[in-house]
Structure formats: structure tokens, C-alpha cells
Amino acid sequence: MSISTKDKHNHLLMFILTLGVFGILNTEMGVVGIIPIIAETFGVTVPDAGWTVSLFALIIAFSAPVVPLLFSQVNRKTVMVLALSVFVISNLISVFTTNFTVLLITRAIPAFFHPLYVSIAFSTAASSVSREDAPKAVSKIFAGVSAGMVLGVPVTSYIASEFSFSAAMVFFTVVNVFVLLATIFLIPSMPVKERLSYGTQLSVLKKPILWNSFLAALLMNAAMFGFYSYLSDYLITVTDVSFKVISLLLFVYGMANIVGNIAAGKLLAQRPFATLKYVPIIMTMLYLALYGLGEFTLPTAIVILVLGIFAGIANNGNQFMVSTSATEAPDFANGLFLTAANLGTTLGTAICGVFITVWGTHSSPLGAVVFLIIGIISIVIRNSLMNREKHIISTI
């Protein structure tokens, strides 16, 4: 295969993987904005309808390390086709069902395959280029994650409110069918080049740096998504803006995330340690600025824009920390990253909720600050361990 042909193949592969991650994140996050419509459609309470989100997230958190490990020796294309097929079938059933229990099942089953596809997308992107360019390749996959959150929620909300819940599920189905067909017909067979035993992959759990990276990623995610879960409430209660302005600011935050994803690829490739250390420090200052300026619309909008960029960089940094701590088991490491991300989101949402209950909505950025301070300490220790590991290897 010539260099130009290989480049074209890599670009096509990256495009399909990014679109696939978009489709899967769209299925996961898209229902966030239509929980009241789900409650009305199926005749359940809003808290019960909320299980369509929380059940999905919980299953990802606990299955993320296990499922990629089980499929680590199977052809990459076969695994991607399997995962996408499960999403298509589940989405299709959700179009027609009128039973809430069936709907929950159609949310639960694909959740097991979510980390399978996403972890393989990360590791495939990284292995398709040189080690130096891996962060740039992974950053493109993260653009699909951000797009799934930025575009998925408002588009799904619009379709469900203008037409019906079933129409929104058709949107999920169409996106995943497109990616499934593209994967079947445009991606060649991708057999696993180096088959690692389960024991070899599990042995990375003995590495202190992996657990330190896991903790740092968990804390960073807790800070970002703990506050993000209450951002709309913060803008209503503290900044006192309309729902149209809130929608615009959420869109700005999401687009800024994508910009951050792109920037992260270059930053992590060129100055990884500095990026990992200074990004959370800057984010701490931004959350403190939001706490102090939250009552003023323009300063708040500016802070949200800048915060979105750094959150995008931090997302990539979290994956980078975990994956580079266990390069000998990439799929398993990416599964662990997804577990850290989802546990962090759950913990962050809970703790920031406590801050709101005790001190009011205005205090929610401070919950993020607490996680970031502990996270910075974890990252400094993690970087120290990585430097020590590199020094030991260089002396052998």
C-alpha cells in the first residue's frame, strides 16, 4: 500500500470511527433533553423516565473494563459491526415500543456495547498513526464525543418536541445504520495483530501509575461534568437568563469543547506533562471566576466559552493519562478510562448537588474546584511516577 493510499485509508477510517462515536454518544446522551417527553409518552413519572439516562451510565461504568477485555482478541471490524448492530436493533425496537420496561431494556443492552466500540475507536485511532501522532488521532475521536453531546441533545429535543418520541428514535436509528453500512462496506478486515492473553492485560492493574491516572481522570471528570449537570440551573437561578440564551450558551460550550479537542491533539503530542498540569489549574481559576461573576451575563458567557475549550483539552488529557499508563493493553486501558469518566460524572453530580442543597445553586462551581484541587495533586504525582518509569527504562 502506497503512502498516499494509506493516508486516504486512515482518513476514511478516522471519519467512520468519529461518526460512529457520534452515533453512539448521540444514543446515550440524546435522551437527556427529552425526559419529560418520555414520561408523558409512557405514562411514568419524570424520575422514572430519568432511568433511561442513569441506567445507561451505570452499565457503562461497570462493564467498560470487562467487555473490551473479553473481545480483545476478536477482529476489530467484527467487533465494531456487532456493537453497531446491537445499537441499530435496540433503537429500532424503541421506535415502536409502547412499554416502558421494554424501553429500559433497549437502553440497557446497547450500554454494554458502548464501551466496546468507543474503547476500540480510541485504540484503533492511536494505532493507525505513529506514537507521536497518536494524541492527534485520538483528539478526532473526541470531536465525535463532543458532537454527540453538542448536536445530539438539541436535535433530539427538537425532533421529539415537534414530532414525537418515536421520531427521535428514528433519528438515532438512521445515524447508526449509516455508520454500520459504512463500516461493513468501507472498512477492511482488521485482525488483531498481537493477541494478548487476559492475564497479560489484567497484569497492568498492578501498576501504581495506572491507578493514579485512573483517580486523576475520575476527579477531573467529576469536576467538569459535576458542574455541567447543573449548568442550566445555574444560568437560570444565578445569571437569570432566558431558555433561549441558555440553549445558545450550552451550544457555545459544546462547540468550544470541539475546539479544545483539536487543540489537545497538538498540546498532548508536544508538551504532555505541562498540558496535564496547567489545564486543571486554569480551569480552577475559571470556575472561581464563574462563582464570582455568575450574576453578570456577558462575563459569564465569556467564562463558559473559555471553560468549554479547556474542558475539551481536559477530556483528551484524561484519556491520555490512562491509556499511556498501560500501553501494553490499549483496549483494556481505554475501558478503564470510560469507567473513570462515568464514575467521575456520577460522583461529581452527587457532590455538586450537595453543595447546591447546603449552600445554594451559586455554590455549584465550588464543588468543581474541590475536585480539581485534589485532581491537580493526583496529576503531579502521576507525572512524577511517569518520569521515574521513563528514567528506569532509559537506564536499562
Protein backbone atom coordinates (compact mmCIF):
# COMPACT_ATOMS: atom_id res chain seq x y z
CA MET A 1 0.00 0.00 0.00
CA SER A 2 1.49 3.38 -1.07
CA ILE A 3 1.81 6.24 1.42
CA SER A 4 -0.95 8.28 -0.27
CA THR A 5 -3.30 5.27 -0.37
CA LYS A 6 -2.54 4.52 3.29
CA ASP A 7 -3.25 8.15 4.21
CA LYS A 8 -6.58 8.05 2.38
CA HIS A 9 -7.46 4.80 4.16
CA ASN A 10 -6.56 6.34 7.54
CA HIS A 11 -8.63 9.46 6.84
CA LEU A 12 -11.63 7.32 5.87
CA LEU A 13 -11.17 5.10 8.93
CA MET A 14 -10.94 8.15 11.22
CA PHE A 15 -14.07 9.67 9.67
CA ILE A 16 -16.11 6.49 10.13
CA LEU A 17 -14.85 5.95 13.70
CA THR A 18 -15.63 9.59 14.61
CA LEU A 19 -19.10 9.32 13.08
CA GLY A 20 -19.61 6.00 14.88
CA VAL A 21 -18.69 7.52 18.24
CA PHE A 22 -21.03 10.42 17.45
CA GLY A 23 -23.89 7.97 16.78
CA ILE A 24 -23.27 6.02 19.98
CA LEU A 25 -22.88 9.13 22.17
CA ASN A 26 -25.97 10.54 20.47
CA THR A 27 -27.92 7.46 21.56
CA GLU A 28 -26.54 7.74 25.09
CA MET A 29 -26.92 11.49 25.65
CA GLY A 30 -29.72 12.43 23.25
CA VAL A 31 -32.48 11.40 25.65
CA VAL A 32 -31.22 13.84 28.32
CA GLY A 33 -33.27 16.64 26.77
CA ILE A 34 -36.47 14.64 26.28
CA ILE A 35 -37.00 13.03 29.70
CA PRO A 36 -40.32 14.91 30.24
CA ILE A 37 -41.50 13.72 26.80
CA ILE A 38 -40.55 10.13 27.68
CA ALA A 39 -42.51 10.45 30.94
CA GLU A 40 -45.57 11.72 29.07
CA THR A 41 -45.29 9.19 26.23
CA PHE A 42 -45.02 6.14 28.52
CA GLY A 43 -47.18 7.39 31.38
CA VAL A 44 -44.43 7.32 34.01
CA THR A 45 -43.04 9.93 36.40
CA VAL A 46 -40.12 12.16 35.38
CA PRO A 47 -37.77 10.47 37.94
CA ASP A 48 -38.72 7.08 36.48
CA ALA A 49 -38.06 8.39 32.96
CA GLY A 50 -34.65 9.53 34.22
CA TRP A 51 -33.64 5.87 34.48
CA THR A 52 -33.24 5.90 30.67
CA VAL A 53 -30.14 8.04 31.33
CA SER A 54 -28.83 6.76 34.67
CA LEU A 55 -29.23 3.04 33.82
CA PHE A 56 -27.20 3.55 30.63
CA ALA A 57 -24.44 5.36 32.53
CA LEU A 58 -24.27 2.81 35.36
CA ILE A 59 -23.95 -0.11 32.97
CA ILE A 60 -21.14 1.65 31.10
CA ALA A 61 -19.30 2.35 34.36
CA PHE A 62 -19.24 -1.30 35.42
CA SER A 63 -18.93 -3.01 32.02
CA ALA A 64 -16.29 -0.70 30.49
CA PRO A 65 -13.19 -2.64 31.70
CA VAL A 66 -14.74 -6.10 31.25
CA VAL A 67 -16.37 -6.09 27.80
CA PRO A 68 -13.37 -4.71 25.82
CA LEU A 69 -11.19 -7.27 27.61
CA LEU A 70 -13.45 -10.16 26.58
CA PHE A 71 -13.42 -9.07 22.91
CA SER A 72 -9.75 -8.03 22.80
CA GLN A 73 -8.74 -10.99 20.62
CA VAL A 74 -11.57 -10.62 18.08
CA ASN A 75 -11.20 -8.92 14.67
CA ARG A 76 -11.71 -5.15 15.18
CA LYS A 77 -14.13 -4.83 12.26
CA THR A 78 -16.23 -7.75 13.52
CA VAL A 79 -16.49 -6.15 16.96
CA MET A 80 -17.49 -2.77 15.52
CA VAL A 81 -20.16 -4.35 13.30
CA LEU A 82 -21.51 -6.31 16.29
CA ALA A 83 -21.69 -3.24 18.53
CA LEU A 84 -23.32 -1.05 15.88
CA SER A 85 -25.81 -3.81 15.01
CA VAL A 86 -26.89 -4.01 18.67
CA PHE A 87 -27.43 -0.23 18.71
CA VAL A 88 -29.43 -0.31 15.47
CA ILE A 89 -31.70 -3.16 16.63
CA SER A 90 -32.23 -1.60 20.07
CA ASN A 91 -33.00 1.82 18.57
CA LEU A 92 -35.40 0.24 16.09
CA ILE A 93 -37.30 -1.55 18.86
CA SER A 94 -37.53 1.71 20.83
CA VAL A 95 -39.21 3.34 17.82
CA PHE A 96 -42.19 1.00 18.06
CA THR A 97 -42.46 0.02 21.72
CA THR A 98 -45.20 1.41 23.96
CA ASN A 99 -43.95 -0.43 27.06
CA PHE A 100 -41.59 1.44 29.41
CA THR A 101 -39.90 -1.77 30.63
CA VAL A 102 -39.08 -2.69 27.03
CA LEU A 103 -37.69 0.82 26.53
CA LEU A 104 -35.39 0.37 29.53
CA ILE A 105 -34.19 -2.95 28.10
CA THR A 106 -33.44 -1.24 24.76
CA ARG A 107 -31.33 1.23 26.73
CA ALA A 108 -29.60 -1.37 28.92
CA ILE A 109 -28.43 -3.82 26.24
CA PRO A 110 -26.56 -1.35 23.98
CA ALA A 111 -24.98 0.22 27.07
CA PHE A 112 -22.88 -2.94 27.44
CA PHE A 113 -21.56 -2.44 23.88
CA HIS A 114 -20.96 1.31 24.22
CA PRO A 115 -17.52 0.93 25.89
CA LEU A 116 -16.66 -1.87 23.45
CA TYR A 117 -17.00 0.39 20.40
CA VAL A 118 -15.61 3.56 21.99
CA SER A 119 -12.53 1.87 23.51
CA ILE A 120 -11.74 0.20 20.19
CA ALA A 121 -12.23 3.51 18.38
CA PHE A 122 -9.64 5.12 20.68
CA SER A 123 -7.09 2.31 20.38
CA THR A 124 -7.62 1.88 16.61
CA ALA A 125 -7.17 5.61 16.03
CA ALA A 126 -3.98 5.64 18.12
CA SER A 127 -2.51 2.57 16.40
CA SER A 128 -3.29 3.85 12.89
CA VAL A 129 -0.56 6.51 13.15
CA SER A 130 2.88 6.89 14.72
CA ARG A 131 3.17 7.01 18.51
CA GLU A 132 3.98 10.74 18.34
CA ASP A 133 0.80 11.48 16.37
CA ALA A 134 -1.49 9.24 18.48
CA PRO A 135 -2.86 12.13 20.63
CA LYS A 136 -3.86 13.99 17.45
CA ALA A 137 -5.69 10.93 16.10
CA VAL A 138 -7.49 10.34 19.40
CA SER A 139 -8.49 14.02 19.53
CA LYS A 140 -10.51 13.49 16.34
CA ILE A 141 -12.47 10.70 18.04
CA PHE A 142 -13.14 13.05 20.96
CA ALA A 143 -14.60 15.51 18.46
CA GLY A 144 -17.23 12.83 17.79
CA VAL A 145 -17.87 12.57 21.54
CA SER A 146 -18.34 16.34 21.82
CA ALA A 147 -20.51 16.49 18.71
CA GLY A 148 -22.70 13.73 20.11
CA MET A 149 -23.28 15.88 23.19
CA VAL A 150 -23.48 19.25 21.40
CA LEU A 151 -25.69 18.29 18.47
CA GLY A 152 -27.36 15.14 19.80
CA VAL A 153 -29.26 16.74 22.67
CA PRO A 154 -30.73 19.78 20.84
CA VAL A 155 -31.51 17.87 17.62
CA THR A 156 -33.21 15.05 19.56
CA SER A 157 -35.12 17.57 21.68
CA TYR A 158 -36.31 19.41 18.57
CA ILE A 159 -37.46 16.25 16.78
CA ALA A 160 -39.24 14.86 19.86
CA SER A 161 -41.00 18.16 20.66
CA GLU A 162 -42.01 18.90 17.06
CA PHE A 163 -42.98 15.35 16.08
CA SER A 164 -42.80 12.53 18.65
CA PHE A 165 -40.57 10.39 20.83
CA SER A 166 -40.62 7.68 18.15
CA ALA A 167 -39.39 10.18 15.54
CA ALA A 168 -36.42 10.98 17.78
CA MET A 169 -35.62 7.27 18.00
CA VAL A 170 -35.75 7.10 14.19
CA PHE A 171 -33.02 9.78 14.17
CA PHE A 172 -30.85 7.57 16.43
CA THR A 173 -31.50 4.58 14.17
CA VAL A 174 -30.68 6.36 10.90
CA VAL A 175 -27.33 7.66 12.18
CA ASN A 176 -26.26 4.23 13.46
CA VAL A 177 -27.48 2.44 10.30
CA PHE A 178 -25.38 4.80 8.17
CA VAL A 179 -22.25 4.08 10.25
CA LEU A 180 -22.97 0.34 10.28
CA LEU A 181 -23.20 0.22 6.45
CA ALA A 182 -20.06 2.36 6.11
CA THR A 183 -18.21 0.00 8.46
CA ILE A 184 -19.36 -3.11 6.58
CA PHE A 185 -18.57 -1.86 3.08
CA LEU A 186 -15.71 0.63 3.53
CA ILE A 187 -13.57 -0.69 6.39
CA PRO A 188 -11.40 -3.73 5.56
CA SER A 189 -10.89 -6.67 7.88
CA MET A 190 -8.83 -5.62 10.92
CA PRO A 191 -7.48 -8.76 12.63
CA VAL A 192 -5.75 -8.31 15.98
CA LYS A 193 -2.02 -8.20 15.23
CA GLU A 194 -0.82 -9.01 18.74
CA ARG A 195 -3.09 -11.30 20.71
CA LEU A 196 -2.64 -10.61 24.41
CA SER A 197 -3.77 -13.12 27.00
CA TYR A 198 -6.32 -11.97 29.54
CA GLY A 199 -3.71 -12.48 32.25
CA THR A 200 -1.24 -10.20 30.48
CA GLN A 201 -3.84 -7.46 30.15
CA LEU A 202 -5.03 -7.79 33.74
CA SER A 203 -1.43 -7.59 34.95
CA VAL A 204 -1.43 -3.82 34.22
CA LEU A 205 -3.67 -3.45 37.28
CA LYS A 206 -0.53 -3.96 39.37
CA LYS A 207 0.92 -0.67 38.11
CA PRO A 208 0.60 2.21 40.65
CA ILE A 209 0.73 4.77 37.83
CA LEU A 210 -2.39 3.28 36.24
CA TRP A 211 -4.43 3.64 39.43
CA ASN A 212 -3.09 7.14 39.95
CA SER A 213 -4.09 8.05 36.39
CA PHE A 214 -7.49 6.42 36.94
CA LEU A 215 -8.05 8.55 40.06
CA ALA A 216 -6.89 11.74 38.32
CA ALA A 217 -9.23 11.11 35.36
CA LEU A 218 -12.12 10.35 37.74
CA LEU A 219 -11.55 13.60 39.67
CA MET A 220 -11.21 15.71 36.53
CA ASN A 221 -14.43 14.27 35.12
CA ALA A 222 -16.18 14.80 38.46
CA ALA A 223 -15.23 18.49 38.31
CA MET A 224 -16.29 19.05 34.69
CA PHE A 225 -19.49 17.05 34.49
CA GLY A 226 -20.49 17.58 38.11
CA PHE A 227 -20.89 21.29 37.40
CA TYR A 228 -22.07 20.81 33.79
CA SER A 229 -25.03 18.76 35.06
CA TYR A 230 -26.28 21.87 36.85
CA LEU A 231 -25.13 24.50 34.33
CA SER A 232 -28.67 25.14 33.05
CA ASP A 233 -29.95 25.55 36.61
CA TYR A 234 -27.01 27.88 37.40
CA LEU A 235 -27.81 30.06 34.37
CA ILE A 236 -31.50 30.23 35.32
CA THR A 237 -31.05 30.83 39.04
CA VAL A 238 -27.84 32.87 39.27
CA THR A 239 -27.32 34.53 35.88
CA ASP A 240 -31.09 34.91 35.35
CA VAL A 241 -31.19 34.45 31.58
CA SER A 242 -33.90 33.07 29.28
CA PHE A 243 -34.09 29.49 27.99
CA LYS A 244 -33.07 30.72 24.52
CA VAL A 245 -29.88 32.23 25.96
CA ILE A 246 -29.24 29.02 27.93
CA SER A 247 -29.57 26.93 24.75
CA LEU A 248 -27.15 29.29 22.99
CA LEU A 249 -24.60 29.14 25.83
CA LEU A 250 -24.81 25.33 26.01
CA PHE A 251 -24.20 25.22 22.25
CA VAL A 252 -21.24 27.62 22.63
CA TYR A 253 -19.81 25.44 25.41
CA GLY A 254 -20.14 22.35 23.25
CA MET A 255 -18.55 23.92 20.16
CA ALA A 256 -15.74 25.25 22.37
CA ASN A 257 -15.27 21.64 23.54
CA ILE A 258 -14.61 20.58 19.95
CA VAL A 259 -12.04 23.38 19.57
CA GLY A 260 -10.41 22.11 22.77
CA ASN A 261 -10.36 18.56 21.38
CA ILE A 262 -8.44 19.73 18.31
CA ALA A 263 -6.00 21.82 20.37
CA ALA A 264 -5.43 18.91 22.77
CA GLY A 265 -4.09 16.71 19.99
CA LYS A 266 -1.16 19.09 19.38
CA LEU A 267 -0.62 20.01 23.04
CA LEU A 268 -0.50 16.42 24.29
CA ALA A 269 1.78 15.38 21.43
CA GLN A 270 4.26 18.22 22.07
CA ARG A 271 4.05 19.04 25.81
CA PRO A 272 2.02 16.34 27.58
CA PHE A 273 3.19 16.88 31.18
CA ALA A 274 2.77 20.65 31.08
CA THR A 275 -0.67 20.32 29.47
CA LEU A 276 -1.87 17.83 32.07
CA LYS A 277 -0.64 20.03 34.94
CA TYR A 278 -1.62 23.53 33.84
CA VAL A 279 -5.04 22.87 32.26
CA PRO A 280 -6.73 21.97 35.61
CA ILE A 281 -5.04 24.98 37.27
CA ILE A 282 -6.52 27.30 34.63
CA MET A 283 -9.90 25.54 34.95
CA THR A 284 -9.83 26.13 38.73
CA MET A 285 -9.41 29.86 38.10
CA LEU A 286 -12.25 29.81 35.57
CA TYR A 287 -14.67 28.09 37.98
CA LEU A 288 -13.72 30.63 40.67
CA ALA A 289 -14.36 33.43 38.14
CA LEU A 290 -17.75 31.90 37.38
CA TYR A 291 -18.52 31.81 41.11
CA GLY A 292 -17.61 35.48 41.45
CA LEU A 293 -19.12 36.79 38.20
CA GLY A 294 -22.10 34.44 37.76
CA GLU A 295 -24.67 37.23 38.18
CA PHE A 296 -23.33 39.11 35.13
CA THR A 297 -24.39 37.76 31.73
CA LEU A 298 -21.50 38.85 29.47
CA PRO A 299 -18.64 37.82 31.80
CA THR A 300 -20.43 34.51 32.44
CA ALA A 301 -20.76 33.89 28.69
CA ILE A 302 -17.04 34.60 28.18
CA VAL A 303 -16.03 32.28 31.02
CA ILE A 304 -18.28 29.50 29.65
CA LEU A 305 -16.67 29.87 26.20
CA VAL A 306 -13.12 29.64 27.58
CA LEU A 307 -14.10 26.89 30.04
CA GLY A 308 -15.52 24.85 27.15
CA ILE A 309 -12.18 24.98 25.34
CA PHE A 310 -10.20 23.85 28.39
CA ALA A 311 -12.77 21.16 29.23
CA GLY A 312 -12.24 19.78 25.72
CA ILE A 313 -8.48 19.68 26.31
CA ALA A 314 -9.02 18.07 29.73
CA ASN A 315 -11.26 15.34 28.25
CA ASN A 316 -8.46 14.29 25.92
CA GLY A 317 -5.96 14.59 28.75
CA ASN A 318 -7.95 12.17 30.90
CA GLN A 319 -7.89 9.51 28.19
CA PHE A 320 -4.21 10.23 27.53
CA MET A 321 -3.28 9.73 31.20
CA VAL A 322 -4.96 6.33 31.49
CA SER A 323 -4.04 4.95 28.06
CA THR A 324 -0.34 5.92 28.29
CA SER A 325 -0.14 4.29 31.72
CA ALA A 326 -0.93 0.88 30.22
CA THR A 327 0.19 0.93 26.58
CA GLU A 328 0.64 -2.85 26.65
CA ALA A 329 -3.17 -3.34 26.98
CA PRO A 330 -4.79 -0.48 24.97
CA ASP A 331 -8.38 -1.75 24.79
CA PHE A 332 -8.45 -2.64 28.49
CA ALA A 333 -6.90 0.74 29.39
CA ASN A 334 -9.49 2.63 27.35
CA GLY A 335 -12.21 0.62 29.07
CA LEU A 336 -10.80 1.69 32.43
CA PHE A 337 -10.82 5.30 31.23
CA LEU A 338 -14.54 5.04 30.39
CA THR A 339 -15.19 3.62 33.85
CA ALA A 340 -13.28 6.50 35.46
CA ALA A 341 -15.19 9.00 33.32
CA ASN A 342 -18.62 7.62 34.19
CA LEU A 343 -17.88 7.13 37.90
CA GLY A 344 -16.47 10.66 37.98
CA THR A 345 -19.61 12.05 36.38
CA THR A 346 -21.81 10.23 38.90
CA LEU A 347 -19.69 11.32 41.89
CA GLY A 348 -19.36 14.90 40.65
CA THR A 349 -23.08 15.27 40.07
CA ALA A 350 -23.80 13.96 43.57
CA ILE A 351 -21.26 16.21 45.35
CA CYS A 352 -22.14 19.35 43.39
CA GLY A 353 -25.78 18.53 44.22
CA VAL A 354 -24.83 18.53 47.92
CA PHE A 355 -23.19 21.95 47.50
CA ILE A 356 -26.43 23.24 45.95
CA THR A 357 -28.58 21.73 48.71
CA VAL A 358 -26.47 23.14 51.53
CA TRP A 359 -25.22 26.47 50.13
CA GLY A 360 -27.45 27.12 47.10
CA THR A 361 -27.05 26.94 43.31
CA HIS A 362 -24.50 29.78 43.35
CA SER A 363 -22.00 27.46 45.10
CA SER A 364 -22.01 24.68 42.47
CA PRO A 365 -18.74 25.87 40.79
CA LEU A 366 -17.01 25.44 44.16
CA GLY A 367 -17.83 21.71 44.05
CA ALA A 368 -15.87 21.54 40.79
CA VAL A 369 -12.98 23.47 42.39
CA VAL A 370 -12.71 20.91 45.23
CA PHE A 371 -12.37 18.04 42.73
CA LEU A 372 -9.85 20.00 40.63
CA ILE A 373 -7.56 20.74 43.60
CA ILE A 374 -7.40 17.04 44.53
CA GLY A 375 -7.07 16.20 40.83
CA ILE A 376 -4.08 18.53 40.40
CA ILE A 377 -2.30 16.76 43.27
CA SER A 378 -3.03 13.37 41.64
CA ILE A 379 -1.73 14.60 38.27
CA VAL A 380 1.52 15.92 39.79
CA ILE A 381 2.09 12.52 41.45
CA ARG A 382 1.17 10.77 38.21
CA ASN A 383 3.64 12.83 36.17
CA SER A 384 6.35 12.12 38.75
CA LEU A 385 5.70 8.38 38.51
CA MET A 386 5.78 8.54 34.71
CA ASN A 387 9.10 10.43 34.74
CA ARG A 388 10.55 7.84 37.15
CA GLU A 389 9.32 5.00 34.93
CA LYS A 390 10.89 6.60 31.84
CA HIS A 391 14.18 7.11 33.72
CA ILE A 392 14.27 3.44 34.78
CA ILE A 393 13.61 2.29 31.20
CA SER A 394 16.33 4.60 29.81
CA THR A 395 18.92 3.17 32.23
CA ILE A 396 18.19 -0.46 31.33
